[in-house]
C-alpha atoms as a PDB file:
ATOM      1  CA  MET A   1      76.707 112.128 214.405  1.00  0.00           C
ATOM      2  CA  ASN A   2      79.461 110.783 212.955  1.00  0.00           C
ATOM      3  CA  PRO A   3      82.988 110.806 215.490  1.00  0.00           C
ATOM      4  CA  PRO A   4      86.092 110.201 213.530  1.00  0.00           C
ATOM      5  CA  THR A   5      86.321 106.939 212.170  1.00  0.00           C
ATOM      6  CA  GLY A   6      89.058 104.722 212.096  1.00  0.00           C
ATOM      7  CA  ILE A   7      90.299 105.429 208.823  1.00  0.00           C
ATOM      8  CA  GLU A   8      90.420 109.322 209.612  1.00  0.00           C
ATOM      9  CA  ILE A   9      92.805 108.388 212.949  1.00  0.00           C
ATOM     10  CA  ILE A  10      95.337 106.025 210.822  1.00  0.00           C
ATOM     11  CA  THR A  11      94.618 108.915 207.852  1.00  0.00           C
ATOM     12  CA  LEU A  12      96.792 111.155 210.460  1.00  0.00           C
ATOM     13  CA  LEU A  13      98.977 109.389 211.558  1.00  0.00           C
ATOM     14  CA  VAL A  14     100.169 108.920 208.113  1.00  0.00           C
ATOM     15  CA  LEU A  15     100.145 112.286 207.744  1.00  0.00           C
ATOM     16  CA  GLY A  16     102.597 112.396 211.264  1.00  0.00           C
ATOM     17  CA  VAL A  17     104.694 109.942 210.108  1.00  0.00           C
ATOM     18  CA  VAL A  18     104.822 111.891 206.171  1.00  0.00           C
ATOM     19  CA  ALA A  19     105.921 114.864 207.919  1.00  0.00           C
ATOM     20  CA  ILE A  20     108.080 113.817 210.152  1.00  0.00           C
ATOM     21  CA  ALA A  21     110.214 111.897 206.732  1.00  0.00           C
ATOM     22  CA  LEU A  22     109.737 115.189 205.400  1.00  0.00           C
ATOM     23  CA  PHE A  23     111.632 116.727 207.969  1.00  0.00           C
ATOM     24  CA  GLU A  24     114.555 114.415 208.331  1.00  0.00           C
ATOM     25  CA  TYR A  25     114.671 114.986 204.527  1.00  0.00           C
ATOM     26  CA  VAL A  26     114.859 118.921 204.441  1.00  0.00           C
ATOM     27  CA  ALA A  27     117.538 118.526 207.761  1.00  0.00           C
ATOM     28  CA  TYR A  28     119.606 115.945 205.554  1.00  0.00           C
ATOM     29  CA  THR A  29     119.760 118.480 202.541  1.00  0.00           C
ATOM     30  CA  ALA A  30     120.417 121.144 204.906  1.00  0.00           C
ATOM     31  CA  VAL A  31     123.319 119.899 206.933  1.00  0.00           C
ATOM     32  CA  LYS A  32     125.185 118.124 203.594  1.00  0.00           C
ATOM     33  CA  THR A  33     124.565 121.698 201.526  1.00  0.00           C
ATOM     34  CA  LYS A  34     126.401 123.014 204.772  1.00  0.00           C
ATOM     35  CA  TYR A  35     129.076 120.859 205.847  1.00  0.00           C
ATOM     36  CA  GLY A  36     129.288 118.838 202.107  1.00  0.00           C
ATOM     37  CA  ASP A  37     131.436 115.530 202.444  1.00  0.00           C
ATOM     38  CA  ARG A  38     133.329 116.313 205.281  1.00  0.00           C
ATOM     39  CA  ILE A  39     130.588 115.297 207.268  1.00  0.00           C
ATOM     40  CA  THR A  40     129.838 111.532 208.088  1.00  0.00           C
ATOM     41  CA  CYS A  41     126.610 109.282 208.017  1.00  0.00           C
ATOM     42  CA  ARG A  42     126.896 108.796 211.795  1.00  0.00           C
ATOM     43  CA  GLU A  43     127.901 112.706 212.724  1.00  0.00           C
ATOM     44  CA  MET A  44     124.557 113.765 210.233  1.00  0.00           C
ATOM     45  CA  LEU A  45     122.240 111.336 212.052  1.00  0.00           C
ATOM     46  CA  ARG A  46     123.837 112.427 215.140  1.00  0.00           C
ATOM     47  CA  LEU A  47     122.862 115.875 214.573  1.00  0.00           C
ATOM     48  CA  GLN A  48     119.391 114.959 213.170  1.00  0.00           C
ATOM     49  CA  MET A  49     118.559 113.359 216.545  1.00  0.00           C
ATOM     50  CA  ILE A  50     119.580 116.386 218.173  1.00  0.00           C
ATOM     51  CA  VAL A  51     117.409 118.954 216.375  1.00  0.00           C
ATOM     52  CA  LEU A  52     114.617 115.953 215.569  1.00  0.00           C
ATOM     53  CA  LYS A  53     114.401 115.027 219.288  1.00  0.00           C
ATOM     54  CA  PRO A  54     112.972 118.489 220.563  1.00  0.00           C
ATOM     55  CA  ALA A  55     110.393 118.152 218.088  1.00  0.00           C
ATOM     56  CA  ILE A  56     109.317 114.743 218.865  1.00  0.00           C
ATOM     57  CA  ILE A  57     108.823 115.782 222.400  1.00  0.00           C
ATOM     58  CA  ASP A  58     106.760 118.698 221.747  1.00  0.00           C
ATOM     59  CA  MET A  59     104.290 116.986 219.073  1.00  0.00           C
ATOM     60  CA  THR A  60     104.425 114.313 221.791  1.00  0.00           C
ATOM     61  CA  ARG A  61     102.665 116.887 224.028  1.00  0.00           C
ATOM     62  CA  ILE A  62     100.776 118.333 221.557  1.00  0.00           C
ATOM     63  CA  ALA A  63      99.070 115.112 221.028  1.00  0.00           C
ATOM     64  CA  LEU A  64      98.457 114.560 224.519  1.00  0.00           C
ATOM     65  CA  LEU A  65      96.813 117.639 225.025  1.00  0.00           C
ATOM     66  CA  TRP A  66      94.630 116.812 222.037  1.00  0.00           C
ATOM     67  CA  ILE A  67      93.690 113.410 223.413  1.00  0.00           C
ATOM     68  CA  VAL A  68      92.981 114.881 227.073  1.00  0.00           C
ATOM     69  CA  MET A  69      90.547 117.233 225.191  1.00  0.00           C
ATOM     70  CA  ILE A  70      88.742 115.441 222.573  1.00  0.00           C
ATOM     71  CA  LEU A  71      88.612 111.866 224.460  1.00  0.00           C
ATOM     72  CA  PRO A  72      85.767 113.131 226.769  1.00  0.00           C
ATOM     73  CA  LEU A  73      84.106 114.409 223.554  1.00  0.00           C
ATOM     74  CA  TYR A  74      84.184 111.640 221.836  1.00  0.00           C
ATOM     75  CA  VAL A  75      83.347 109.303 224.628  1.00  0.00           C
ATOM     76  CA  ILE A  76      80.502 111.795 225.382  1.00  0.00           C
ATOM     77  CA  ILE A  77      79.258 111.518 221.438  1.00  0.00           C
ATOM     78  CA  VAL A  78      79.300 108.028 220.905  1.00  0.00           C
ATOM     79  CA  SER A  79      77.619 107.587 224.225  1.00  0.00           C
ATOM     80  CA  THR A  80      74.517 109.966 222.882  1.00  0.00           C
ATOM     81  CA  ASP A  81      74.736 107.675 219.904  1.00  0.00           C
ATOM     82  CA  LEU A  82      74.018 104.296 221.055  1.00  0.00           C
ATOM     83  CA  SER A  83      71.502 106.401 223.501  1.00  0.00           C
ATOM     84  CA  ILE A  84      69.449 107.684 220.277  1.00  0.00           C
ATOM     85  CA  ILE A  85      69.578 104.619 219.159  1.00  0.00           C
ATOM     86  CA  PHE A  86      68.308 102.630 222.143  1.00  0.00           C
ATOM     87  CA  VAL A  87      65.384 105.176 222.347  1.00  0.00           C
ATOM     88  CA  ILE A  88      64.039 104.636 218.573  1.00  0.00           C
ATOM     89  CA  GLU A  89      64.545 101.118 218.771  1.00  0.00           C
ATOM     90  CA  SER A  90      62.414 101.136 222.099  1.00  0.00           C
ATOM     91  CA  LEU A  91      59.393 102.872 220.127  1.00  0.00           C
ATOM     92  CA  LEU A  92      59.747 100.615 217.578  1.00  0.00           C
ATOM     93  CA  GLY A  93      59.675  97.645 219.661  1.00  0.00           C
ATOM     94  CA  LYS A  94      59.255  94.150 218.333  1.00  0.00           C
ATOM     95  CA  VAL A  95      59.346  95.825 214.614  1.00  0.00           C
ATOM     96  CA  ARG A  96      63.166  96.071 214.825  1.00  0.00           C
ATOM     97  CA  SER A  97      65.007  95.023 218.293  1.00  0.00           C
ATOM     98  CA  PRO A  98      65.036  91.646 219.967  1.00  0.00           C
ATOM     99  CA  LEU A  99      64.398  93.459 223.540  1.00  0.00           C
ATOM    100  CA  PRO A 100      61.952  94.109 225.600  1.00  0.00           C
ATOM    101  CA  GLY A 101      61.279  98.216 225.152  1.00  0.00           C
ATOM    102  CA  ASP A 102      61.814  98.863 228.856  1.00  0.00           C
ATOM    103  CA  ILE A 103      65.279  97.288 228.260  1.00  0.00           C
ATOM    104  CA  GLU A 104      65.882  99.304 225.582  1.00  0.00           C
ATOM    105  CA  THR A 105      65.291 102.574 227.906  1.00  0.00           C
ATOM    106  CA  THR A 106      66.738 101.883 230.884  1.00  0.00           C
ATOM    107  CA  ILE A 107      69.727 101.192 228.342  1.00  0.00           C
ATOM    108  CA  SER A 108      69.551 104.213 227.109  1.00  0.00           C
ATOM    109  CA  PHE A 109      69.089 106.046 230.145  1.00  0.00           C
ATOM    110  CA  LEU A 110      72.483 104.561 231.427  1.00  0.00           C
ATOM    111  CA  PHE A 111      74.220 106.458 228.739  1.00  0.00           C
ATOM    112  CA  LEU A 112      73.175 109.525 229.845  1.00  0.00           C
ATOM    113  CA  LEU A 113      74.121 109.296 233.031  1.00  0.00           C
ATOM    114  CA  ALA A 114      77.528 108.094 231.973  1.00  0.00           C
ATOM    115  CA  ASN A 115      77.625 111.420 229.777  1.00  0.00           C
ATOM    116  CA  ILE A 116      76.263 113.104 232.917  1.00  0.00           C
ATOM    117  CA  THR A 117      79.121 111.437 234.574  1.00  0.00           C
ATOM    118  CA  ILE A 118      81.689 112.249 232.186  1.00  0.00           C
ATOM    119  CA  MET A 119      80.610 115.706 232.258  1.00  0.00           C
ATOM    120  CA  HIS A 120      80.032 116.419 235.737  1.00  0.00           C
ATOM    121  CA  TYR A 121      83.689 115.196 236.784  1.00  0.00           C
ATOM    122  CA  PHE A 122      85.909 116.254 234.014  1.00  0.00           C
ATOM    123  CA  LEU A 123      84.218 119.432 232.246  1.00  0.00           C
ATOM    124  CA  GLY A 124      82.760 120.267 235.912  1.00  0.00           C
ATOM    125  CA  LYS A 125      86.490 120.778 236.415  1.00  0.00           C
ATOM    126  CA  TYR A 126      88.991 121.187 233.140  1.00  0.00           C
ATOM    127  CA  GLY A 127      85.877 122.549 231.182  1.00  0.00           C
ATOM    128  CA  SER A 128      87.328 126.273 230.876  1.00  0.00           C
ATOM    129  CA  ILE A 129      89.844 124.337 228.823  1.00  0.00           C
ATOM    130  CA  TYR A 130      88.178 125.253 225.544  1.00  0.00           C
ATOM    131  CA  LYS A 131      87.797 128.409 226.236  1.00  0.00           C
ATOM    132  CA  LEU A 132      91.263 129.243 226.811  1.00  0.00           C
ATOM    133  CA  PRO A 133      92.638 130.132 223.121  1.00  0.00           C
ATOM    134  CA  LEU A 134      89.841 132.920 223.594  1.00  0.00           C
ATOM    135  CA  MET A 135      90.741 134.128 226.638  1.00  0.00           C
ATOM    136  CA  PHE A 136      94.108 134.510 225.478  1.00  0.00           C
ATOM    137  CA  LEU A 137      92.867 136.244 222.628  1.00  0.00           C
ATOM    138  CA  VAL A 138      90.780 139.137 224.629  1.00  0.00           C
ATOM    139  CA  ARG A 139      92.731 139.151 227.664  1.00  0.00           C
ATOM    140  CA  ASN A 140      96.254 139.943 228.865  1.00  0.00           C
ATOM    141  CA  ASP A 141      95.547 138.399 232.244  1.00  0.00           C
ATOM    142  CA  ALA A 142      94.840 135.074 230.926  1.00  0.00           C
ATOM    143  CA  ARG A 143      98.255 135.030 229.103  1.00  0.00           C
ATOM    144  CA  GLN A 144      99.741 135.559 231.759  1.00  0.00           C
ATOM    145  CA  LEU A 145      98.520 131.887 233.762  1.00  0.00           C
ATOM    146  CA  LEU A 146     101.082 130.456 231.141  1.00  0.00           C
ATOM    147  CA  LYS A 147     103.872 132.917 231.818  1.00  0.00           C
ATOM    148  CA  LYS A 148     106.315 129.868 232.798  1.00  0.00           C
ATOM    149  CA  HIS A 149     105.958 128.322 229.389  1.00  0.00           C
ATOM    150  CA  GLN A 150     106.274 131.246 226.678  1.00  0.00           C
ATOM    151  CA  LYS A 151     108.800 129.442 224.944  1.00  0.00           C
ATOM    152  CA  VAL A 152     105.879 127.118 224.135  1.00  0.00           C
ATOM    153  CA  LEU A 153     103.005 128.614 224.126  1.00  0.00           C
ATOM    154  CA  GLN A 154     102.714 128.767 220.280  1.00  0.00           C
ATOM    155  CA  ASP A 155     102.391 124.602 220.803  1.00  0.00           C
ATOM    156  CA  ILE A 156     100.364 125.260 223.650  1.00  0.00           C
ATOM    157  CA  LEU A 157      97.919 127.200 221.826  1.00  0.00           C
ATOM    158  CA  MET A 158      98.091 124.706 218.900  1.00  0.00           C
ATOM    159  CA  GLY A 159      96.836 121.895 221.074  1.00  0.00           C
ATOM    160  CA  LEU A 160      93.813 124.374 222.674  1.00  0.00           C
ATOM    161  CA  VAL A 161      92.474 125.310 218.985  1.00  0.00           C
ATOM    162  CA  VAL A 162      92.240 121.748 217.703  1.00  0.00           C
ATOM    163  CA  GLY A 163      90.651 120.834 221.231  1.00  0.00           C
ATOM    164  CA  SER A 164      88.264 123.898 221.138  1.00  0.00           C
ATOM    165  CA  VAL A 165      87.303 123.700 217.439  1.00  0.00           C
ATOM    166  CA  MET A 166      86.100 119.950 218.121  1.00  0.00           C
ATOM    167  CA  TYR A 167      84.092 121.220 220.829  1.00  0.00           C
ATOM    168  CA  VAL A 168      82.015 123.407 218.803  1.00  0.00           C
ATOM    169  CA  MET A 169      81.975 121.128 216.078  1.00  0.00           C
ATOM    170  CA  MET A 170      80.127 118.708 218.588  1.00  0.00           C
ATOM    171  CA  ILE A 171      77.999 121.662 219.611  1.00  0.00           C
ATOM    172  CA  MET A 172      77.067 122.298 215.945  1.00  0.00           C
ATOM    173  CA  THR A 173      76.404 118.149 215.176  1.00  0.00           C
ATOM    174  CA  LEU A 174      74.129 117.674 218.180  1.00  0.00           C
ATOM    175  CA  LEU A 175      72.515 120.719 217.511  1.00  0.00           C
ATOM    176  CA  VAL A 176      71.698 119.285 213.710  1.00  0.00           C
ATOM    177  CA  ALA A 177      70.520 115.973 215.573  1.00  0.00           C
ATOM    178  CA  LEU A 178      68.483 117.497 217.889  1.00  0.00           C
ATOM    179  CA  VAL A 179      66.524 119.423 215.010  1.00  0.00           C
ATOM    180  CA  ASN A 180      66.422 116.534 212.510  1.00  0.00           C
ATOM    181  CA  LEU A 181      65.733 113.255 215.241  1.00  0.00           C
ATOM    182  CA  PRO A 182      62.155 112.218 214.757  1.00  0.00           C
ATOM    183  CA  SER A 183      61.534 110.811 218.462  1.00  0.00           C
ATOM    184  CA  PHE A 184      60.466 113.177 221.061  1.00  0.00           C
ATOM    185  CA  LEU A 185      62.752 111.223 223.283  1.00  0.00           C
ATOM    186  CA  SER A 186      65.711 111.272 221.688  1.00  0.00           C
ATOM    187  CA  LYS A 187      65.700 115.098 221.633  1.00  0.00           C
ATOM    188  CA  ILE A 188      65.023 115.316 224.875  1.00  0.00           C
ATOM    189  CA  ASP A 189      68.453 113.055 225.382  1.00  0.00           C
ATOM    190  CA  VAL A 190      70.273 115.051 222.693  1.00  0.00           C
ATOM    191  CA  GLY A 191      68.824 118.870 224.476  1.00  0.00           C
ATOM    192  CA  ILE A 192      70.179 117.183 228.012  1.00  0.00           C
ATOM    193  CA  VAL A 193      73.687 116.748 226.596  1.00  0.00           C
ATOM    194  CA  ILE A 194      74.106 120.322 224.599  1.00  0.00           C
ATOM    195  CA  VAL A 195      72.390 122.287 227.842  1.00  0.00           C
ATOM    196  CA  LEU A 196      74.899 120.197 230.069  1.00  0.00           C
ATOM    197  CA  LEU A 197      77.864 120.751 227.488  1.00  0.00           C
ATOM    198  CA  LEU A 198      77.337 124.888 227.515  1.00  0.00           C
ATOM    199  CA  VAL A 199      76.246 124.717 231.309  1.00  0.00           C
ATOM    200  CA  TYR A 200      79.850 122.925 231.874  1.00  0.00           C
ATOM    201  CA  VAL A 201      82.230 124.811 229.751  1.00  0.00           C
ATOM    202  CA  LEU A 202      80.505 128.620 228.902  1.00  0.00           C
ATOM    203  CA  PRO A 203      80.412 129.884 232.882  1.00  0.00           C
ATOM    204  CA  ASN A 204      83.369 127.739 234.060  1.00  0.00           C
ATOM    205  CA  LYS A 205      86.458 130.266 235.674  1.00  0.00           C
ATOM    206  CA  LYS A 206      88.526 127.647 236.690  1.00  0.00           C
ATOM    207  CA  TYR A 207      91.252 128.150 234.836  1.00  0.00           C
ATOM    208  CA  GLU A 208      93.961 127.247 237.621  1.00  0.00           C
ATOM    209  CA  ASN A 209      92.565 123.379 236.454  1.00  0.00           C
ATOM    210  CA  ALA A 210      92.997 124.090 233.364  1.00  0.00           C
ATOM    211  CA  ILE A 211      96.384 125.158 233.117  1.00  0.00           C
ATOM    212  CA  GLU A 212      97.554 122.776 235.673  1.00  0.00           C
ATOM    213  CA  LEU A 213      96.393 120.118 233.375  1.00  0.00           C
ATOM    214  CA  ILE A 214      98.391 121.941 231.099  1.00  0.00           C
ATOM    215  CA  GLU A 215     101.618 122.002 233.126  1.00  0.00           C
ATOM    216  CA  LYS A 216     101.337 118.343 233.987  1.00  0.00           C
ATOM    217  CA  ILE A 217     101.766 117.229 230.154  1.00  0.00           C
ATOM    218  CA  TRP A 218     104.249 119.691 229.301  1.00  0.00           C
ATOM    219  CA  SER A 219     106.559 118.503 232.523  1.00  0.00           C
ATOM    220  CA  LYS A 220     106.740 114.709 231.518  1.00  0.00           C
END
């Protein structure tokens, strides 16, 4: 299982900066073409900021929604990785690990317990948020949940789709790990995480909680 690396995160940030720079260039070209030399640099900067400010605010909200949806998944997969490592180390004993096997097993259990806690408190309350993009496509009543935000519904869907895709990718990654892991105890560990991820999300119908979370982000 490979969570996003620092290089991948930096790459996303660089792409964001490049996108803003391109937007600035396009805005500058459009204003200059329309007004020519009649507009000063100061006025042009003010016009650009008027246009750019809402875009920055929208992107910040989308990014915040990504963080809210992806961060718990990231913590879960990292914790699962560490749990697997300690299980394997405990089985190998003194060959590779300086710690006693029972301590390794205890640490592994603690990481599994951390996963269960995160899923119980976050996914138990907001797990339905990962199903919202699909619900918006197949159910008209689901769209009505965000009827107060029709103007920014496309932005919200953009954020939700990324979070939902990350959820699906995480399940697939865990399934691959389940097949390839050599340790039976590790398979049990990963199996528990997969089952809980499915149980806390797929049957979850607490859409009001998910909508409330989205509205908190878009009200900032």
